[in-house]
Amino acid sequence: MAIDYTKIGKRIAARRKALGLKQAQVSERCEVNDNYISNIERAKSIPSLETLMRLCEALETTPDALLLGTSLYHNEEHWRSVAQQLRGLTPGQLQLVERFIALAAEQDL
């Protein structure tokens, strides 16, 4: 499995922006140089494991969210609600949902 540092950088930038933080604020929280955050976001630098963990703390997220793009919303109640909604669908509606999921999974967000 190849690591896509461009996607990781985009996820870091997106999370930073979602929190309304500037690169300088994140660099201060991580105790790194301002330019280093910019380089990580643009995949010009590869963060060490220690820096990645600092980024997670600064951005209030998890390593899997930054590395793999997984959702931060792993609430069991949420998934039960989704499952309950799916149970009420017709076979045709379920097929449409499956196609939508496949399409969404192909998107590079």
N, C-alpha and C. Protein backbone atom coordinates (compact mmCIF):
# COMPACT_ATOMS: atom_id res chain seq x y z
N MET A 1 0.85 -1.18 0.00
CA MET A 1 0.00 0.00 0.00
C MET A 1 0.89 1.25 0.00
N ALA A 2 0.74 2.05 -1.01
CA ALA A 2 1.52 3.29 -1.12
C ALA A 2 0.86 4.39 -0.28
N ILE A 3 1.67 5.18 0.36
CA ILE A 3 1.17 6.28 1.18
C ILE A 3 1.07 7.51 0.29
N ASP A 4 -0.10 8.11 0.24
CA ASP A 4 -0.33 9.30 -0.57
C ASP A 4 -0.21 10.54 0.32
N TYR A 5 0.97 11.12 0.34
CA TYR A 5 1.22 12.27 1.20
C TYR A 5 0.47 13.51 0.75
N THR A 6 0.11 13.57 -0.52
CA THR A 6 -0.69 14.69 -1.01
C THR A 6 -2.07 14.67 -0.36
N LYS A 7 -2.68 13.48 -0.30
CA LYS A 7 -4.00 13.37 0.34
C LYS A 7 -3.91 13.67 1.83
N ILE A 8 -2.86 13.19 2.46
CA ILE A 8 -2.68 13.45 3.89
C ILE A 8 -2.56 14.95 4.13
N GLY A 9 -1.76 15.62 3.31
CA GLY A 9 -1.61 17.07 3.44
C GLY A 9 -2.92 17.80 3.24
N LYS A 10 -3.71 17.34 2.27
CA LYS A 10 -5.02 17.96 2.03
C LYS A 10 -5.96 17.76 3.21
N ARG A 11 -5.89 16.58 3.83
CA ARG A 11 -6.73 16.32 5.00
C ARG A 11 -6.32 17.20 6.17
N ILE A 12 -5.02 17.37 6.34
CA ILE A 12 -4.52 18.23 7.41
C ILE A 12 -4.99 19.67 7.18
N ALA A 13 -4.84 20.15 5.96
CA ALA A 13 -5.27 21.51 5.63
C ALA A 13 -6.78 21.67 5.81
N ALA A 14 -7.54 20.69 5.38
CA ALA A 14 -9.00 20.77 5.50
C ALA A 14 -9.42 20.80 6.97
N ARG A 15 -8.78 19.97 7.78
CA ARG A 15 -9.13 19.94 9.20
C ARG A 15 -8.74 21.26 9.87
N ARG A 16 -7.58 21.78 9.52
CA ARG A 16 -7.13 23.06 10.07
C ARG A 16 -8.13 24.16 9.73
N LYS A 17 -8.54 24.19 8.47
CA LYS A 17 -9.49 25.22 8.03
C LYS A 17 -10.86 25.03 8.68
N ALA A 18 -11.27 23.78 8.86
CA ALA A 18 -12.56 23.51 9.51
C ALA A 18 -12.58 24.03 10.95
N LEU A 19 -11.42 24.02 11.58
CA LEU A 19 -11.30 24.55 12.94
C LEU A 19 -11.04 26.05 12.96
N GLY A 20 -10.88 26.64 11.78
CA GLY A 20 -10.64 28.08 11.69
C GLY A 20 -9.25 28.49 12.15
N LEU A 21 -8.29 27.58 11.97
CA LEU A 21 -6.92 27.85 12.42
C LEU A 21 -6.03 28.27 11.27
N LYS A 22 -5.08 29.12 11.57
CA LYS A 22 -4.03 29.49 10.61
C LYS A 22 -2.88 28.51 10.77
N GLN A 23 -2.05 28.40 9.74
CA GLN A 23 -0.89 27.51 9.81
C GLN A 23 0.00 27.89 10.99
N ALA A 24 0.14 29.17 11.24
CA ALA A 24 0.98 29.63 12.34
C ALA A 24 0.46 29.14 13.69
N GLN A 25 -0.85 29.11 13.84
CA GLN A 25 -1.43 28.62 15.09
C GLN A 25 -1.16 27.13 15.28
N VAL A 26 -1.29 26.37 14.18
CA VAL A 26 -1.05 24.93 14.24
C VAL A 26 0.43 24.68 14.52
N SER A 27 1.30 25.42 13.85
CA SER A 27 2.74 25.23 14.07
C SER A 27 3.11 25.54 15.52
N GLU A 28 2.48 26.55 16.09
CA GLU A 28 2.75 26.89 17.50
C GLU A 28 2.30 25.75 18.41
N ARG A 29 1.13 25.20 18.15
CA ARG A 29 0.62 24.10 18.96
C ARG A 29 1.51 22.85 18.83
N CYS A 30 2.08 22.65 17.65
CA CYS A 30 2.92 21.48 17.40
C CYS A 30 4.39 21.71 17.72
N GLU A 31 4.71 22.97 18.01
CA GLU A 31 6.09 23.36 18.30
C GLU A 31 7.01 23.07 17.11
N VAL A 32 6.55 23.47 15.92
CA VAL A 32 7.36 23.35 14.71
C VAL A 32 7.33 24.68 13.97
N ASN A 33 8.16 24.81 12.97
CA ASN A 33 8.27 26.01 12.16
C ASN A 33 7.01 26.19 11.30
N ASP A 34 6.58 27.45 11.10
CA ASP A 34 5.42 27.75 10.27
C ASP A 34 5.53 27.13 8.88
N ASN A 35 6.71 27.25 8.29
CA ASN A 35 6.90 26.74 6.94
C ASN A 35 6.75 25.22 6.87
N TYR A 36 7.07 24.56 7.95
CA TYR A 36 6.98 23.10 7.98
C TYR A 36 5.53 22.64 7.81
N ILE A 37 4.59 23.31 8.45
CA ILE A 37 3.17 22.97 8.30
C ILE A 37 2.75 23.17 6.85
N SER A 38 3.18 24.27 6.26
CA SER A 38 2.88 24.52 4.85
C SER A 38 3.44 23.42 3.97
N ASN A 39 4.68 23.02 4.24
CA ASN A 39 5.31 21.96 3.46
C ASN A 39 4.61 20.62 3.63
N ILE A 40 4.14 20.33 4.83
CA ILE A 40 3.40 19.08 5.06
C ILE A 40 2.09 19.11 4.28
N GLU A 41 1.39 20.22 4.35
CA GLU A 41 0.10 20.35 3.66
C GLU A 41 0.26 20.24 2.14
N ARG A 42 1.41 20.65 1.63
CA ARG A 42 1.65 20.57 0.18
C ARG A 42 2.44 19.32 -0.21
N ALA A 43 2.65 18.42 0.75
CA ALA A 43 3.38 17.16 0.54
C ALA A 43 4.82 17.39 0.11
N LYS A 44 5.39 18.50 0.55
CA LYS A 44 6.80 18.77 0.29
C LYS A 44 7.68 18.20 1.40
N SER A 45 7.06 17.98 2.58
CA SER A 45 7.75 17.37 3.71
C SER A 45 6.88 16.25 4.26
N ILE A 46 7.54 15.23 4.77
CA ILE A 46 6.84 14.10 5.37
C ILE A 46 7.01 14.21 6.88
N PRO A 47 5.89 14.30 7.61
CA PRO A 47 6.01 14.47 9.06
C PRO A 47 6.48 13.18 9.73
N SER A 48 7.25 13.34 10.80
CA SER A 48 7.64 12.18 11.61
C SER A 48 6.40 11.70 12.36
N LEU A 49 6.49 10.54 12.94
CA LEU A 49 5.39 10.01 13.74
C LEU A 49 5.07 10.95 14.90
N GLU A 50 6.10 11.48 15.53
CA GLU A 50 5.90 12.42 16.64
C GLU A 50 5.15 13.67 16.16
N THR A 51 5.56 14.20 15.01
CA THR A 51 4.90 15.39 14.48
C THR A 51 3.46 15.08 14.09
N LEU A 52 3.24 13.91 13.53
CA LEU A 52 1.88 13.51 13.16
C LEU A 52 0.99 13.46 14.41
N MET A 53 1.50 12.92 15.49
CA MET A 53 0.72 12.85 16.72
C MET A 53 0.46 14.24 17.28
N ARG A 54 1.44 15.13 17.17
CA ARG A 54 1.24 16.51 17.60
C ARG A 54 0.17 17.19 16.75
N LEU A 55 0.21 16.92 15.45
CA LEU A 55 -0.81 17.46 14.55
C LEU A 55 -2.20 16.97 14.94
N CYS A 56 -2.30 15.70 15.25
CA CYS A 56 -3.60 15.15 15.66
C CYS A 56 -4.12 15.87 16.90
N GLU A 57 -3.24 16.08 17.85
CA GLU A 57 -3.64 16.78 19.08
C GLU A 57 -4.03 18.23 18.76
N ALA A 58 -3.23 18.90 17.96
CA ALA A 58 -3.49 20.30 17.61
C ALA A 58 -4.78 20.45 16.82
N LEU A 59 -5.08 19.46 15.99
CA LEU A 59 -6.25 19.53 15.13
C LEU A 59 -7.45 18.76 15.69
N GLU A 60 -7.30 18.28 16.93
CA GLU A 60 -8.39 17.58 17.61
C GLU A 60 -8.96 16.46 16.75
N THR A 61 -8.06 15.61 16.28
CA THR A 61 -8.47 14.52 15.40
C THR A 61 -7.65 13.28 15.72
N THR A 62 -7.82 12.25 14.92
CA THR A 62 -7.13 10.98 15.14
C THR A 62 -6.19 10.69 13.97
N PRO A 63 -5.18 9.86 14.20
CA PRO A 63 -4.27 9.51 13.11
C PRO A 63 -4.99 8.88 11.91
N ASP A 64 -5.98 8.02 12.18
CA ASP A 64 -6.67 7.39 11.06
C ASP A 64 -7.43 8.40 10.21
N ALA A 65 -7.93 9.46 10.84
CA ALA A 65 -8.63 10.50 10.08
C ALA A 65 -7.67 11.20 9.12
N LEU A 66 -6.45 11.49 9.58
CA LEU A 66 -5.49 12.17 8.72
C LEU A 66 -4.84 11.22 7.71
N LEU A 67 -4.50 10.03 8.16
CA LEU A 67 -3.78 9.09 7.28
C LEU A 67 -4.70 8.40 6.28
N LEU A 68 -5.89 8.02 6.73
CA LEU A 68 -6.78 7.22 5.89
C LEU A 68 -8.04 7.95 5.44
N GLY A 69 -8.30 9.08 6.07
CA GLY A 69 -9.50 9.83 5.70
C GLY A 69 -10.77 9.26 6.30
N THR A 70 -10.64 8.45 7.35
CA THR A 70 -11.83 7.89 7.98
C THR A 70 -12.54 8.95 8.77
N SER A 71 -13.80 8.75 8.95
CA SER A 71 -14.63 9.71 9.65
C SER A 71 -14.30 9.74 11.13
N LEU A 72 -14.45 10.90 11.71
CA LEU A 72 -14.27 11.04 13.15
C LEU A 72 -15.54 10.65 13.90
N TYR A 73 -16.60 10.38 13.13
CA TYR A 73 -17.89 10.13 13.75
C TYR A 73 -18.15 8.63 13.78
N HIS A 74 -17.61 7.96 14.80
CA HIS A 74 -17.75 6.51 14.93
C HIS A 74 -18.72 6.16 16.04
N ASN A 75 -19.72 6.96 16.22
CA ASN A 75 -20.69 6.78 17.28
C ASN A 75 -21.60 5.60 16.94
N GLU A 76 -21.68 4.61 17.84
CA GLU A 76 -22.51 3.43 17.58
C GLU A 76 -23.97 3.79 17.36
N GLU A 77 -24.45 4.76 18.11
CA GLU A 77 -25.85 5.17 17.96
C GLU A 77 -26.10 5.70 16.55
N HIS A 78 -25.16 6.41 16.02
CA HIS A 78 -25.28 6.93 14.66
C HIS A 78 -25.39 5.78 13.66
N TRP A 79 -24.52 4.79 13.80
CA TRP A 79 -24.55 3.66 12.87
C TRP A 79 -25.81 2.83 13.02
N ARG A 80 -26.33 2.70 14.24
CA ARG A 80 -27.60 1.99 14.44
C ARG A 80 -28.72 2.72 13.73
N SER A 81 -28.71 4.04 13.80
CA SER A 81 -29.73 4.85 13.12
C SER A 81 -29.67 4.64 11.60
N VAL A 82 -28.47 4.63 11.06
CA VAL A 82 -28.30 4.41 9.62
C VAL A 82 -28.80 3.01 9.25
N ALA A 83 -28.43 2.01 10.04
CA ALA A 83 -28.87 0.63 9.77
C ALA A 83 -30.39 0.53 9.82
N GLN A 84 -31.00 1.19 10.78
CA GLN A 84 -32.46 1.16 10.90
C GLN A 84 -33.11 1.77 9.66
N GLN A 85 -32.55 2.85 9.18
CA GLN A 85 -33.10 3.48 7.97
C GLN A 85 -32.96 2.56 6.76
N LEU A 86 -31.84 1.87 6.67
CA LEU A 86 -31.61 0.96 5.55
C LEU A 86 -32.57 -0.22 5.58
N ARG A 87 -32.91 -0.70 6.77
CA ARG A 87 -33.84 -1.84 6.89
C ARG A 87 -35.19 -1.54 6.28
N GLY A 88 -35.59 -0.29 6.27
CA GLY A 88 -36.91 0.08 5.75
C GLY A 88 -36.96 0.30 4.25
N LEU A 89 -35.83 0.15 3.56
CA LEU A 89 -35.79 0.40 2.12
C LEU A 89 -36.20 -0.83 1.31
N THR A 90 -36.73 -0.56 0.14
CA THR A 90 -37.05 -1.64 -0.79
C THR A 90 -35.76 -2.14 -1.43
N PRO A 91 -35.78 -3.32 -2.06
CA PRO A 91 -34.57 -3.81 -2.73
C PRO A 91 -34.04 -2.81 -3.77
N GLY A 92 -34.92 -2.16 -4.49
CA GLY A 92 -34.49 -1.17 -5.48
C GLY A 92 -33.82 0.03 -4.84
N GLN A 93 -34.37 0.48 -3.72
CA GLN A 93 -33.79 1.60 -3.00
C GLN A 93 -32.42 1.22 -2.43
N LEU A 94 -32.30 0.01 -1.91
CA LEU A 94 -31.01 -0.46 -1.39
C LEU A 94 -29.96 -0.49 -2.49
N GLN A 95 -30.36 -0.92 -3.66
CA GLN A 95 -29.42 -0.97 -4.79
C GLN A 95 -28.96 0.44 -5.14
N LEU A 96 -29.87 1.40 -5.10
CA LEU A 96 -29.51 2.79 -5.36
C LEU A 96 -28.54 3.31 -4.30
N VAL A 97 -28.77 2.98 -3.03
CA VAL A 97 -27.87 3.39 -1.95
C VAL A 97 -26.49 2.78 -2.16
N GLU A 98 -26.43 1.51 -2.55
CA GLU A 98 -25.14 0.86 -2.80
C GLU A 98 -24.38 1.56 -3.93
N ARG A 99 -25.10 1.95 -4.97
CA ARG A 99 -24.44 2.67 -6.07
C ARG A 99 -23.93 4.03 -5.61
N PHE A 100 -24.73 4.71 -4.79
CA PHE A 100 -24.32 6.01 -4.28
C PHE A 100 -23.06 5.86 -3.41
N ILE A 101 -23.03 4.85 -2.57
CA ILE A 101 -21.86 4.62 -1.72
C ILE A 101 -20.63 4.36 -2.58
N ALA A 102 -20.76 3.53 -3.61
CA ALA A 102 -19.63 3.25 -4.51
C ALA A 102 -19.15 4.53 -5.18
N LEU A 103 -20.08 5.35 -5.63
CA LEU A 103 -19.72 6.62 -6.27
C LEU A 103 -19.02 7.54 -5.28
N ALA A 104 -19.54 7.64 -4.07
CA ALA A 104 -18.94 8.51 -3.05
C ALA A 104 -17.53 8.02 -2.70
N ALA A 105 -17.35 6.72 -2.65
CA ALA A 105 -16.03 6.15 -2.31
C ALA A 105 -14.98 6.46 -3.38
N GLU A 106 -15.41 6.68 -4.61
CA GLU A 106 -14.49 6.99 -5.69
C GLU A 106 -14.03 8.44 -5.67
N GLN A 107 -14.73 9.29 -4.94
CA GLN A 107 -14.41 10.73 -4.93
C GLN A 107 -13.16 10.99 -4.11
N ASP A 108 -12.36 11.91 -4.58
CA ASP A 108 -11.12 12.29 -3.89
C ASP A 108 -11.40 13.59 -3.13
N LEU A 109 -11.87 13.45 -1.91
CA LEU A 109 -12.24 14.64 -1.11
C LEU A 109 -11.18 15.01 -0.12
